[in-house]
PDB file of N, CA and C in Angstrom:
ATOM      1  N   MET A   1      99.833  37.585 157.660  1.00  0.00           N
ATOM      2  CA  MET A   1     100.244  38.384 158.819  1.00  0.00           C
ATOM      3  C   MET A   1      99.249  38.191 159.959  1.00  0.00           C
ATOM      4  N   THR A   2      99.757  37.835 161.113  1.00  0.00           N
ATOM      5  CA  THR A   2      98.861  37.590 162.238  1.00  0.00           C
ATOM      6  C   THR A   2      98.580  38.887 162.975  1.00  0.00           C
ATOM      7  N   SER A   3      97.394  38.966 163.528  1.00  0.00           N
ATOM      8  CA  SER A   3      97.039  40.165 164.269  1.00  0.00           C
ATOM      9  C   SER A   3      97.714  40.149 165.630  1.00  0.00           C
ATOM     10  N   ILE A   4      97.715  41.288 166.273  1.00  0.00           N
ATOM     11  CA  ILE A   4      98.315  41.390 167.600  1.00  0.00           C
ATOM     12  C   ILE A   4      97.597  40.452 168.566  1.00  0.00           C
ATOM     13  N   ILE A   5      96.279  40.378 168.448  1.00  0.00           N
ATOM     14  CA  ILE A   5      95.505  39.508 169.339  1.00  0.00           C
ATOM     15  C   ILE A   5      95.951  38.064 169.170  1.00  0.00           C
ATOM     16  N   ASN A   6      96.102  37.617 167.920  1.00  0.00           N
ATOM     17  CA  ASN A   6      96.527  36.243 167.678  1.00  0.00           C
ATOM     18  C   ASN A   6      97.918  35.994 168.235  1.00  0.00           C
ATOM     19  N   ARG A   7      98.813  36.951 168.067  1.00  0.00           N
ATOM     20  CA  ARG A   7     100.167  36.787 168.591  1.00  0.00           C
ATOM     21  C   ARG A   7     100.159  36.677 170.103  1.00  0.00           C
ATOM     22  N   CYS A   8      99.369  37.514 170.757  1.00  0.00           N
ATOM     23  CA  CYS A   8      99.302  37.478 172.213  1.00  0.00           C
ATOM     24  C   CYS A   8      98.720  36.163 172.698  1.00  0.00           C
ATOM     25  N   GLU A   9      97.669  35.697 172.024  1.00  0.00           N
ATOM     26  CA  GLU A   9      97.052  34.438 172.437  1.00  0.00           C
ATOM     27  C   GLU A   9      98.014  33.282 172.251  1.00  0.00           C
ATOM     28  N   SER A  10      98.781  33.297 171.164  1.00  0.00           N
ATOM     29  CA  SER A  10      99.700  32.191 170.937  1.00  0.00           C
ATOM     30  C   SER A  10     100.895  32.276 171.875  1.00  0.00           C
ATOM     31  N   SER A  11     101.143  33.449 172.436  1.00  0.00           N
ATOM     32  CA  SER A  11     102.207  33.583 173.428  1.00  0.00           C
ATOM     33  C   SER A  11     101.718  33.180 174.809  1.00  0.00           C
ATOM     34  N   GLY A  12     100.451  32.860 174.920  1.00  0.00           N
ATOM     35  CA  GLY A  12      99.900  32.414 176.191  1.00  0.00           C
ATOM     36  C   GLY A  12      99.354  33.542 177.046  1.00  0.00           C
ATOM     37  N   LEU A  13      99.237  34.736 176.483  1.00  0.00           N
ATOM     38  CA  LEU A  13      98.675  35.842 177.253  1.00  0.00           C
ATOM     39  C   LEU A  13      97.163  35.725 177.278  1.00  0.00           C
ATOM     40  N   ARG A  14      96.582  36.016 178.438  1.00  0.00           N
ATOM     41  CA  ARG A  14      95.128  36.058 178.500  1.00  0.00           C
ATOM     42  C   ARG A  14      94.678  37.378 177.904  1.00  0.00           C
ATOM     43  N   MET A  15      93.790  37.284 176.901  1.00  0.00           N
ATOM     44  CA  MET A  15      93.326  38.506 176.264  1.00  0.00           C
ATOM     45  C   MET A  15      92.082  39.018 176.984  1.00  0.00           C
ATOM     46  N   THR A  16      92.290  39.985 177.860  1.00  0.00           N
ATOM     47  CA  THR A  16      91.153  40.623 178.514  1.00  0.00           C
ATOM     48  C   THR A  16      90.520  41.601 177.543  1.00  0.00           C
ATOM     49  N   GLU A  17      89.335  42.084 177.867  1.00  0.00           N
ATOM     50  CA  GLU A  17      88.663  43.047 176.995  1.00  0.00           C
ATOM     51  C   GLU A  17      89.548  44.261 176.768  1.00  0.00           C
ATOM     52  N   GLN A  18      90.198  44.726 177.831  1.00  0.00           N
ATOM     53  CA  GLN A  18      91.034  45.915 177.713  1.00  0.00           C
ATOM     54  C   GLN A  18      92.170  45.686 176.730  1.00  0.00           C
ATOM     55  N   ARG A  19      92.837  44.547 176.860  1.00  0.00           N
ATOM     56  CA  ARG A  19      93.951  44.258 175.954  1.00  0.00           C
ATOM     57  C   ARG A  19      93.462  44.112 174.521  1.00  0.00           C
ATOM     58  N   ARG A  20      92.265  43.529 174.382  1.00  0.00           N
ATOM     59  CA  ARG A  20      91.696  43.342 173.049  1.00  0.00           C
ATOM     60  C   ARG A  20      91.468  44.696 172.374  1.00  0.00           C
ATOM     61  N   VAL A  21      90.932  45.643 173.146  1.00  0.00           N
ATOM     62  CA  VAL A  21      90.684  46.983 172.603  1.00  0.00           C
ATOM     63  C   VAL A  21      92.005  47.630 172.212  1.00  0.00           C
ATOM     64  N   ILE A  22      93.004  47.518 173.083  1.00  0.00           N
ATOM     65  CA  ILE A  22      94.310  48.107 172.779  1.00  0.00           C
ATOM     66  C   ILE A  22      94.891  47.475 171.520  1.00  0.00           C
ATOM     67  N   ALA A  23      94.781  46.164 171.409  1.00  0.00           N
ATOM     68  CA  ALA A  23      95.330  45.477 170.239  1.00  0.00           C
ATOM     69  C   ALA A  23      94.610  45.922 168.971  1.00  0.00           C
ATOM     70  N   LYS A  24      93.287  46.106 169.065  1.00  0.00           N
ATOM     71  CA  LYS A  24      92.541  46.563 167.887  1.00  0.00           C
ATOM     72  C   LYS A  24      93.006  47.945 167.460  1.00  0.00           C
ATOM     73  N   VAL A  25      93.220  48.823 168.430  1.00  0.00           N
ATOM     74  CA  VAL A  25      93.668  50.180 168.112  1.00  0.00           C
ATOM     75  C   VAL A  25      95.045  50.130 167.468  1.00  0.00           C
ATOM     76  N   LEU A  26      95.930  49.307 168.020  1.00  0.00           N
ATOM     77  CA  LEU A  26      97.273  49.190 167.451  1.00  0.00           C
ATOM     78  C   LEU A  26      97.200  48.629 166.042  1.00  0.00           C
ATOM     79  N   ASP A  27      96.358  47.615 165.838  1.00  0.00           N
ATOM     80  CA  ASP A  27      96.199  47.048 164.500  1.00  0.00           C
ATOM     81  C   ASP A  27      95.699  48.114 163.524  1.00  0.00           C
ATOM     82  N   ALA A  28      94.750  48.910 163.967  1.00  0.00           N
ATOM     83  CA  ALA A  28      94.158  49.913 163.089  1.00  0.00           C
ATOM     84  C   ALA A  28      95.156  51.012 162.745  1.00  0.00           C
ATOM     85  N   SER A  29      96.086  51.278 163.647  1.00  0.00           N
ATOM     86  CA  SER A  29      97.016  52.383 163.412  1.00  0.00           C
ATOM     87  C   SER A  29      98.243  51.949 162.624  1.00  0.00           C
ATOM     88  N   LYS A  30      98.294  50.665 162.254  1.00  0.00           N
ATOM     89  CA  LYS A  30      99.493  50.176 161.571  1.00  0.00           C
ATOM     90  C   LYS A  30      99.525  50.487 160.080  1.00  0.00           C
ATOM     91  N   ASP A  31      98.410  50.918 159.493  1.00  0.00           N
ATOM     92  CA  ASP A  31      98.439  51.203 158.068  1.00  0.00           C
ATOM     93  C   ASP A  31      98.983  52.592 157.844  1.00  0.00           C
TER      94      ASP A  31
END
């Protein structure tokens, strides 16, 4: 399973620090 950050990067989105933090929070809340 790929993380949100990996999915965004492979979609060509630039991962800014803010987006990275949001993605980490979303990843953490998925369990």
